[in-house]
Amino acid sequence: MSLGGGIIEHVFEGGCESDVALIDKISAAARAESVAIAARLAAIAALDTLREQELIDSILWRTDPYEEVCAEVSAAMRIARGRAGTQVQHARVLRDKLPQVAARFAVGDIDYRVVRMIIARTGIVDESVWAALDAELAGRAHRWMRFSERQLRDRIDHWIAQHDPHGVRVPPDLAQDRFVQVDPGRPGAATIWANVAAEDAAALDQRLDAIVDTVCEHDPRTRERRRADAIGPLARLEAQLVCRCGREECPATQKRAAADAAVLHVLAQRATVDGTSDAPGYLPGYGILPAESVRNLAGRATIKPVRVPAPPRDQPAPPPTQTATSSRVQPNPPSRLKPPMDMSPGTARRWHCRSSSVGGI
């Protein structure tokens, strides 16, 4: 196509390249993108160092070097001052605190998404552990590229907790901000808002799923609508959802187990359960769990040791053996409830809990 008298090659006009060649191009372009962003941040860090040195060498105060660099980056990248400030902050962290992570980034082993998450989660880590944590994250981050945002956050938080338990961004005591609010919505409907403890939310989520699965496969509602309808039976202390398939011989009552209980699994170190450490636990699907919440669950739980398998030779050694905790709630839970997710070496492995329980560490 033409623009302003010039000819611009259309980037999507393909040739006769094979699928293998095209896939290789995608991979190379993704790596090159990471390399380019890393080079940009390295240049910003170098400019920041230069401006700071100029201020030291000068006897006259001109302006704050940070503000000066932000203005220059803003002009160079044609972006707003706020976005330029974020670039300078990221460049400083990679230069001063995470040089090994920066080295991985510079060769394209990890992308900017992973780097941003590492920077965000390590913001309050004690400076005495920066070197060890940098090495740990740099050695593992290239295996986290496929993870979702939540999985990535949880992996980073896990290794922060190993080096500095107080450096994990754990939410404050929920006693001040827990609430459940039911408001009128559209005619015939209402809206529910809540902020509750993670373990209670996980139990509620499982109970809703269990009640949803008591209908037969011919029920016409979507799963989301079934979950909304399951609020009624849950509130009335009923174990089943009325099926709407309309069949005279609906198999739901014969083939679906009652949703009597939920099973949670929490991962934590033995020292946390014993009260000799404040290292946080981990609730699959919800992330870091404060140490006090772990101990509260452990007080009414069945605790089982979980041995972490030895990692492959090219991986660092895992932390000490974890502990499995499950607290008893009601008898006869449905066997369909999900066990915890598979964990990478250094956290814990999957186990199956077929007894009635809530909890797991």
Protein backbone atom coordinates (compact mmCIF):
# COMPACT_ATOMS: atom_id res chain seq x y z
CA MET A 1 0.00 0.00 0.00
CA SER A 2 1.09 3.61 -0.50
CA LEU A 3 1.29 6.46 1.96
CA GLY A 4 2.52 9.99 1.19
CA GLY A 5 3.98 9.01 -2.15
CA GLY A 6 6.10 6.26 -0.60
CA ILE A 7 5.65 2.53 -0.73
CA ILE A 8 5.28 0.63 2.52
CA GLU A 9 5.60 -3.12 2.37
CA HIS A 10 2.62 -4.79 3.92
CA VAL A 11 3.93 -6.75 6.89
CA PHE A 12 1.33 -9.49 6.51
CA GLU A 13 2.06 -10.35 2.89
CA GLY A 14 3.65 -13.75 3.34
CA GLY A 15 5.83 -15.74 1.01
CA CYS A 16 6.22 -19.47 0.64
CA GLU A 17 7.94 -20.14 3.94
CA SER A 18 7.29 -23.42 5.71
CA ASP A 19 5.47 -23.67 9.02
CA VAL A 20 8.75 -24.55 10.75
CA ALA A 21 10.41 -21.40 9.43
CA LEU A 22 7.47 -19.26 10.51
CA ILE A 23 7.44 -20.74 14.00
CA ASP A 24 11.18 -20.13 14.26
CA LYS A 25 10.56 -16.52 13.27
CA ILE A 26 7.95 -16.15 16.00
CA SER A 27 10.34 -17.56 18.60
CA ALA A 28 13.23 -15.39 17.42
CA ALA A 29 11.06 -12.28 17.34
CA ALA A 30 9.81 -12.88 20.89
CA ARG A 31 13.37 -13.29 22.15
CA ALA A 32 14.53 -10.24 20.18
CA GLU A 33 11.71 -8.20 21.72
CA SER A 34 12.92 -9.08 25.22
CA VAL A 35 16.52 -8.29 24.25
CA ALA A 36 15.46 -4.90 22.86
CA ILE A 37 13.49 -3.96 25.99
CA ALA A 38 16.38 -5.05 28.20
CA ALA A 39 18.76 -2.92 26.12
CA ARG A 40 16.44 0.06 26.49
CA LEU A 41 16.29 -0.30 30.28
CA ALA A 42 20.06 -0.76 30.43
CA ALA A 43 20.51 2.48 28.47
CA ILE A 44 18.11 4.27 30.82
CA ALA A 45 20.06 2.96 33.81
CA ALA A 46 23.32 4.16 32.25
CA LEU A 47 21.82 7.60 31.61
CA ASP A 48 20.60 7.70 35.21
CA THR A 49 24.10 6.84 36.45
CA LEU A 50 25.58 9.55 34.23
CA ARG A 51 23.20 12.22 35.52
CA GLU A 52 23.84 11.23 39.13
CA GLN A 53 27.60 11.46 38.59
CA GLU A 54 27.23 14.86 36.93
CA LEU A 55 25.38 16.09 40.01
CA ILE A 56 28.14 14.79 42.28
CA ASP A 57 30.79 16.50 40.16
CA SER A 58 28.90 19.78 40.00
CA ILE A 59 28.93 22.33 42.80
CA LEU A 60 25.68 23.84 41.56
CA TRP A 61 22.31 22.20 42.08
CA ARG A 62 20.49 22.09 38.77
CA THR A 63 17.59 19.70 39.20
CA ASP A 64 16.76 16.33 40.69
CA PRO A 65 18.61 13.75 38.52
CA TYR A 66 15.60 11.45 38.65
CA GLU A 67 13.29 14.14 37.29
CA GLU A 68 15.85 15.05 34.64
CA VAL A 69 16.17 11.46 33.45
CA CYS A 70 12.38 11.02 33.46
CA ALA A 71 12.01 14.08 31.25
CA GLU A 72 14.67 12.82 28.85
CA VAL A 73 13.17 9.33 28.68
CA SER A 74 9.72 10.82 28.16
CA ALA A 75 10.99 12.81 25.19
CA ALA A 76 13.02 9.94 23.75
CA MET A 77 10.18 7.41 23.95
CA ARG A 78 7.40 9.93 23.24
CA ILE A 79 5.47 8.85 26.32
CA ALA A 80 3.96 10.62 29.33
CA ARG A 81 6.06 11.58 32.33
CA GLY A 82 4.40 8.97 34.55
CA ARG A 83 5.19 6.11 32.18
CA ALA A 84 8.74 7.37 31.80
CA GLY A 85 9.09 7.33 35.59
CA THR A 86 8.10 3.66 35.64
CA GLN A 87 10.79 2.89 33.06
CA VAL A 88 13.43 4.66 35.17
CA GLN A 89 12.33 2.81 38.30
CA HIS A 90 12.51 -0.56 36.54
CA ALA A 91 15.94 0.30 35.15
CA ARG A 92 17.20 1.23 38.61
CA VAL A 93 15.95 -2.00 40.22
CA LEU A 94 17.55 -4.16 37.52
CA ARG A 95 20.81 -2.24 37.82
CA ASP A 96 21.04 -2.03 41.60
CA LYS A 97 19.16 -5.04 42.98
CA LEU A 98 18.61 -7.66 40.28
CA PRO A 99 21.69 -7.73 38.02
CA GLN A 100 21.46 -11.50 37.44
CA VAL A 101 17.79 -11.27 36.51
CA ALA A 102 18.76 -8.39 34.22
CA ALA A 103 21.37 -10.63 32.58
CA ARG A 104 18.72 -13.27 31.87
CA PHE A 105 16.50 -10.56 30.43
CA ALA A 106 19.30 -9.19 28.27
CA VAL A 107 19.69 -12.47 26.37
CA GLY A 108 15.95 -13.00 25.97
CA ASP A 109 15.53 -15.92 28.39
CA ILE A 110 12.68 -14.11 30.16
CA ASP A 111 10.28 -11.44 28.98
CA TYR A 112 9.20 -8.08 30.34
CA ARG A 113 6.07 -9.56 31.91
CA VAL A 114 8.15 -11.80 34.17
CA VAL A 115 10.58 -8.99 34.94
CA ARG A 116 7.78 -6.60 35.89
CA MET A 117 6.24 -9.16 38.24
CA ILE A 118 9.61 -9.84 39.90
CA ILE A 119 10.18 -6.11 40.40
CA ALA A 120 6.68 -5.61 41.80
CA ARG A 121 6.82 -8.52 44.25
CA THR A 122 10.35 -7.86 45.54
CA GLY A 123 9.82 -4.21 46.40
CA ILE A 124 9.95 -4.63 50.20
CA VAL A 125 12.60 -7.35 50.46
CA ASP A 126 15.41 -6.62 52.92
CA GLU A 127 18.57 -5.46 51.18
CA SER A 128 20.67 -8.08 53.00
CA VAL A 129 19.10 -10.90 50.94
CA TRP A 130 19.04 -9.18 47.54
CA ALA A 131 22.08 -11.00 46.16
CA ALA A 132 20.88 -14.48 47.15
CA LEU A 133 17.32 -13.80 46.01
CA ASP A 134 18.55 -12.36 42.70
CA ALA A 135 20.54 -15.54 42.05
CA GLU A 136 17.58 -17.75 43.01
CA LEU A 137 15.12 -15.94 40.76
CA ALA A 138 17.57 -15.69 37.86
CA GLY A 139 18.12 -19.45 38.03
CA ARG A 140 14.42 -20.26 37.89
CA ALA A 141 12.57 -17.46 36.10
CA HIS A 142 13.19 -18.83 32.60
CA ARG A 143 10.98 -21.83 33.52
CA TRP A 144 8.10 -19.56 34.53
CA MET A 145 7.37 -18.02 31.13
CA ARG A 146 4.26 -20.17 30.56
CA PHE A 147 2.69 -19.36 33.93
CA SER A 148 -0.41 -17.24 34.39
CA GLU A 149 -0.16 -14.00 36.37
CA ARG A 150 -1.37 -15.73 39.53
CA GLN A 151 0.97 -18.70 39.15
CA LEU A 152 3.89 -16.39 38.45
CA ARG A 153 3.10 -14.27 41.50
CA ASP A 154 2.89 -17.35 43.70
CA ARG A 155 6.24 -18.76 42.51
CA ILE A 156 8.02 -15.46 43.11
CA ASP A 157 6.41 -15.02 46.54
CA HIS A 158 7.44 -18.54 47.50
CA TRP A 159 11.13 -17.83 46.92
CA ILE A 160 10.91 -14.44 48.57
CA ALA A 161 9.51 -16.19 51.64
CA GLN A 162 12.45 -18.60 51.69
CA HIS A 163 14.94 -15.73 51.90
CA ASP A 164 12.95 -13.05 53.73
CA PRO A 165 9.59 -14.10 55.22
CA HIS A 166 8.82 -10.48 56.05
CA GLY A 167 9.50 -9.42 52.46
CA VAL A 168 6.41 -11.08 51.00
CA ARG A 169 3.60 -8.73 50.11
CA VAL A 170 1.09 -10.34 52.47
CA PRO A 171 -2.17 -8.46 53.03
CA PRO A 172 -2.72 -6.95 56.48
CA ASP A 173 -4.92 -8.50 59.14
CA LEU A 174 -8.32 -9.15 57.60
CA ALA A 175 -10.09 -8.34 60.87
CA GLN A 176 -10.38 -4.71 59.80
CA ASP A 177 -11.71 -5.17 56.27
CA ARG A 178 -13.76 -8.38 56.13
CA PHE A 179 -17.34 -7.88 55.01
CA VAL A 180 -20.25 -9.47 53.17
CA GLN A 181 -22.77 -7.13 51.58
CA VAL A 182 -26.00 -7.97 49.77
CA ASP A 183 -27.53 -5.14 47.73
CA PRO A 184 -30.72 -4.98 45.64
CA GLY A 185 -29.98 -5.24 41.94
CA ARG A 186 -32.26 -5.34 38.95
CA PRO A 187 -35.89 -6.32 39.62
CA GLY A 188 -35.83 -9.86 40.92
CA ALA A 189 -32.05 -9.92 41.43
CA ALA A 190 -29.44 -8.89 43.98
CA THR A 191 -25.69 -8.32 44.07
CA ILE A 192 -23.35 -9.92 46.61
CA TRP A 193 -20.04 -8.25 47.53
CA ALA A 194 -17.57 -9.80 49.95
CA ASN A 195 -14.02 -9.70 51.24
CA VAL A 196 -13.32 -12.83 53.27
CA ALA A 197 -10.44 -15.01 54.37
CA ALA A 198 -8.85 -16.96 51.52
CA GLU A 199 -9.51 -20.33 53.13
CA ASP A 200 -13.20 -19.49 53.55
CA ALA A 201 -13.43 -18.32 49.95
CA ALA A 202 -11.80 -21.54 48.73
CA ALA A 203 -14.26 -23.63 50.74
CA LEU A 204 -17.20 -21.63 49.37
CA ASP A 205 -15.90 -22.01 45.82
CA GLN A 206 -15.66 -25.78 46.20
CA ARG A 207 -19.10 -26.07 47.80
CA LEU A 208 -20.68 -24.14 44.93
CA ASP A 209 -18.95 -26.40 42.39
CA ALA A 210 -20.08 -29.49 44.29
CA ILE A 211 -23.71 -28.35 44.37
CA VAL A 212 -23.54 -27.40 40.68
CA ASP A 213 -22.43 -30.93 39.81
CA THR A 214 -25.52 -32.51 41.37
CA VAL A 215 -27.57 -31.76 38.21
CA CYS A 216 -27.43 -34.01 35.17
CA GLU A 217 -25.60 -33.26 31.95
CA HIS A 218 -28.81 -32.21 30.20
CA ASP A 219 -29.45 -29.21 32.45
CA PRO A 220 -29.75 -26.24 30.02
CA ARG A 221 -28.02 -23.64 32.22
CA THR A 222 -24.42 -22.54 31.80
CA ARG A 223 -22.02 -23.37 34.60
CA GLU A 224 -21.89 -19.72 35.67
CA ARG A 225 -25.68 -19.62 36.00
CA ARG A 226 -25.72 -22.90 37.89
CA ARG A 227 -23.19 -21.46 40.36
CA ALA A 228 -25.43 -18.44 40.87
CA ASP A 229 -28.45 -20.70 41.40
CA ALA A 230 -26.43 -22.83 43.86
CA ILE A 231 -26.40 -19.90 46.30
CA GLY A 232 -30.01 -20.75 47.18
CA PRO A 233 -29.46 -24.39 48.22
CA LEU A 234 -26.27 -23.37 50.01
CA ALA A 235 -28.14 -20.73 52.03
CA ARG A 236 -30.94 -23.20 52.83
CA LEU A 237 -28.43 -25.85 53.96
CA GLU A 238 -29.44 -28.10 51.07
CA ALA A 239 -26.96 -30.38 49.34
CA GLN A 240 -28.42 -30.52 45.84
CA LEU A 241 -29.49 -28.17 43.05
CA VAL A 242 -32.81 -28.89 41.34
CA CYS A 243 -32.11 -30.06 37.80
CA ARG A 244 -33.95 -28.29 34.98
CA CYS A 245 -33.50 -30.89 32.27
CA GLY A 246 -37.26 -31.58 32.24
CA ARG A 247 -36.78 -35.33 31.84
CA GLU A 248 -39.10 -37.69 33.69
CA GLU A 249 -36.22 -40.02 34.52
CA CYS A 250 -33.54 -37.49 35.37
CA PRO A 251 -30.44 -39.38 36.56
CA ALA A 252 -29.29 -36.53 38.82
CA THR A 253 -30.78 -37.90 42.03
CA GLN A 254 -29.31 -41.36 41.46
CA LYS A 255 -25.84 -40.60 40.15
CA ARG A 256 -24.78 -37.36 41.89
CA ALA A 257 -23.30 -37.37 45.39
CA ALA A 258 -24.47 -34.79 47.90
CA ALA A 259 -22.22 -31.75 48.34
CA ASP A 260 -21.65 -32.14 52.08
CA ALA A 261 -18.14 -30.76 52.52
CA ALA A 262 -15.21 -29.02 50.92
CA VAL A 263 -11.56 -30.07 50.91
CA LEU A 264 -8.79 -27.49 51.03
CA HIS A 265 -5.06 -28.07 50.90
CA VAL A 266 -2.60 -25.56 52.31
CA LEU A 267 1.17 -25.73 51.90
CA ALA A 268 3.45 -24.50 54.68
CA GLN A 269 6.67 -25.27 56.47
CA ARG A 270 6.58 -27.22 59.72
CA ALA A 271 8.14 -24.27 61.54
CA THR A 272 5.21 -22.08 60.54
CA VAL A 273 2.71 -24.61 61.87
CA ASP A 274 4.73 -24.98 65.10
CA GLY A 275 4.83 -21.22 65.59
CA THR A 276 8.62 -20.90 65.38
CA SER A 277 8.52 -19.13 62.02
CA ASP A 278 6.35 -16.50 60.38
CA ALA A 279 7.02 -17.77 56.86
CA PRO A 280 3.68 -17.60 55.02
CA GLY A 281 1.86 -20.64 53.71
CA TYR A 282 0.34 -21.16 50.29
CA LEU A 283 -3.28 -21.85 49.37
CA PRO A 284 -3.48 -23.15 45.78
CA GLY A 285 -5.48 -20.76 43.67
CA TYR A 286 -5.31 -17.95 46.23
CA GLY A 287 -1.58 -17.48 46.78
CA ILE A 288 0.28 -16.58 49.94
CA LEU A 289 -1.49 -17.26 53.24
CA PRO A 290 -0.33 -15.33 56.36
CA ALA A 291 1.39 -17.44 59.02
CA GLU A 292 -1.34 -16.70 61.58
CA SER A 293 -4.00 -18.02 59.20
CA VAL A 294 -1.92 -21.17 58.66
CA ARG A 295 -1.72 -21.77 62.41
CA ASN A 296 -5.44 -21.17 62.85
CA LEU A 297 -6.17 -23.83 60.21
CA ALA A 298 -3.60 -26.23 61.66
CA GLY A 299 -5.32 -26.06 65.05
CA ARG A 300 -8.33 -27.94 63.65
CA ALA A 301 -6.60 -29.96 60.96
CA THR A 302 -5.01 -33.30 60.25
CA ILE A 303 -1.32 -32.65 59.57
CA LYS A 304 0.61 -34.89 57.19
CA PRO A 305 4.28 -34.49 56.19
CA VAL A 306 4.90 -34.12 52.47
CA ARG A 307 8.33 -35.04 51.16
CA VAL A 308 9.54 -32.90 48.27
CA PRO A 309 11.17 -34.96 45.49
CA ALA A 310 14.78 -34.20 44.68
CA PRO A 311 15.06 -31.74 41.78
CA PRO A 312 16.84 -32.54 38.51
CA ARG A 313 20.58 -31.98 38.57
CA ASP A 314 20.27 -28.67 36.74
CA GLN A 315 17.93 -27.23 39.35
CA PRO A 316 18.79 -25.77 42.77
CA ALA A 317 17.97 -27.84 45.84
CA PRO A 318 14.46 -27.42 47.27
CA PRO A 319 13.72 -25.93 50.67
CA PRO A 320 13.04 -28.18 53.71
CA THR A 321 10.20 -30.70 53.71
CA GLN A 322 6.75 -29.19 53.75
CA THR A 323 3.73 -30.12 55.86
CA ALA A 324 0.25 -31.18 54.80
CA THR A 325 -2.70 -29.96 56.82
CA SER A 326 -6.37 -30.76 56.41
CA SER A 327 -9.02 -29.83 58.96
CA ARG A 328 -12.12 -31.95 59.53
CA VAL A 329 -15.47 -30.37 58.72
CA GLN A 330 -18.31 -32.75 57.78
CA PRO A 331 -18.48 -36.43 56.80
CA ASN A 332 -18.79 -37.86 53.30
CA PRO A 333 -17.28 -35.19 51.04
CA PRO A 334 -17.69 -35.74 47.30
CA SER A 335 -14.69 -37.44 45.76
CA ARG A 336 -14.85 -35.01 42.82
CA LEU A 337 -13.33 -32.16 44.81
CA LYS A 338 -10.03 -31.17 43.33
CA PRO A 339 -6.74 -31.96 45.08
CA PRO A 340 -4.12 -29.22 45.12
CA MET A 341 -2.26 -28.29 41.98
CA ASP A 342 1.04 -29.86 41.04
CA MET A 343 3.84 -27.76 42.43
CA SER A 344 7.28 -27.25 41.02
CA PRO A 345 10.26 -28.71 42.94
CA GLY A 346 10.81 -26.67 46.04
CA THR A 347 7.20 -26.33 47.11
CA ALA A 348 5.18 -29.56 47.28
CA ARG A 349 3.68 -32.30 45.17
CA ARG A 350 0.10 -33.36 44.61
CA TRP A 351 -1.56 -35.73 47.02
CA HIS A 352 -5.13 -37.05 47.15
CA CYS A 353 -7.30 -36.49 50.19
CA ARG A 354 -10.40 -38.72 50.24
CA SER A 355 -11.35 -38.10 53.86
CA SER A 356 -13.63 -35.31 54.95
CA SER A 357 -11.38 -32.30 55.39
CA VAL A 358 -10.66 -28.66 54.81
CA GLY A 359 -7.13 -27.36 54.77
CA GLY A 360 -3.85 -28.91 53.42
CA ILE A 361 -0.28 -27.51 53.48
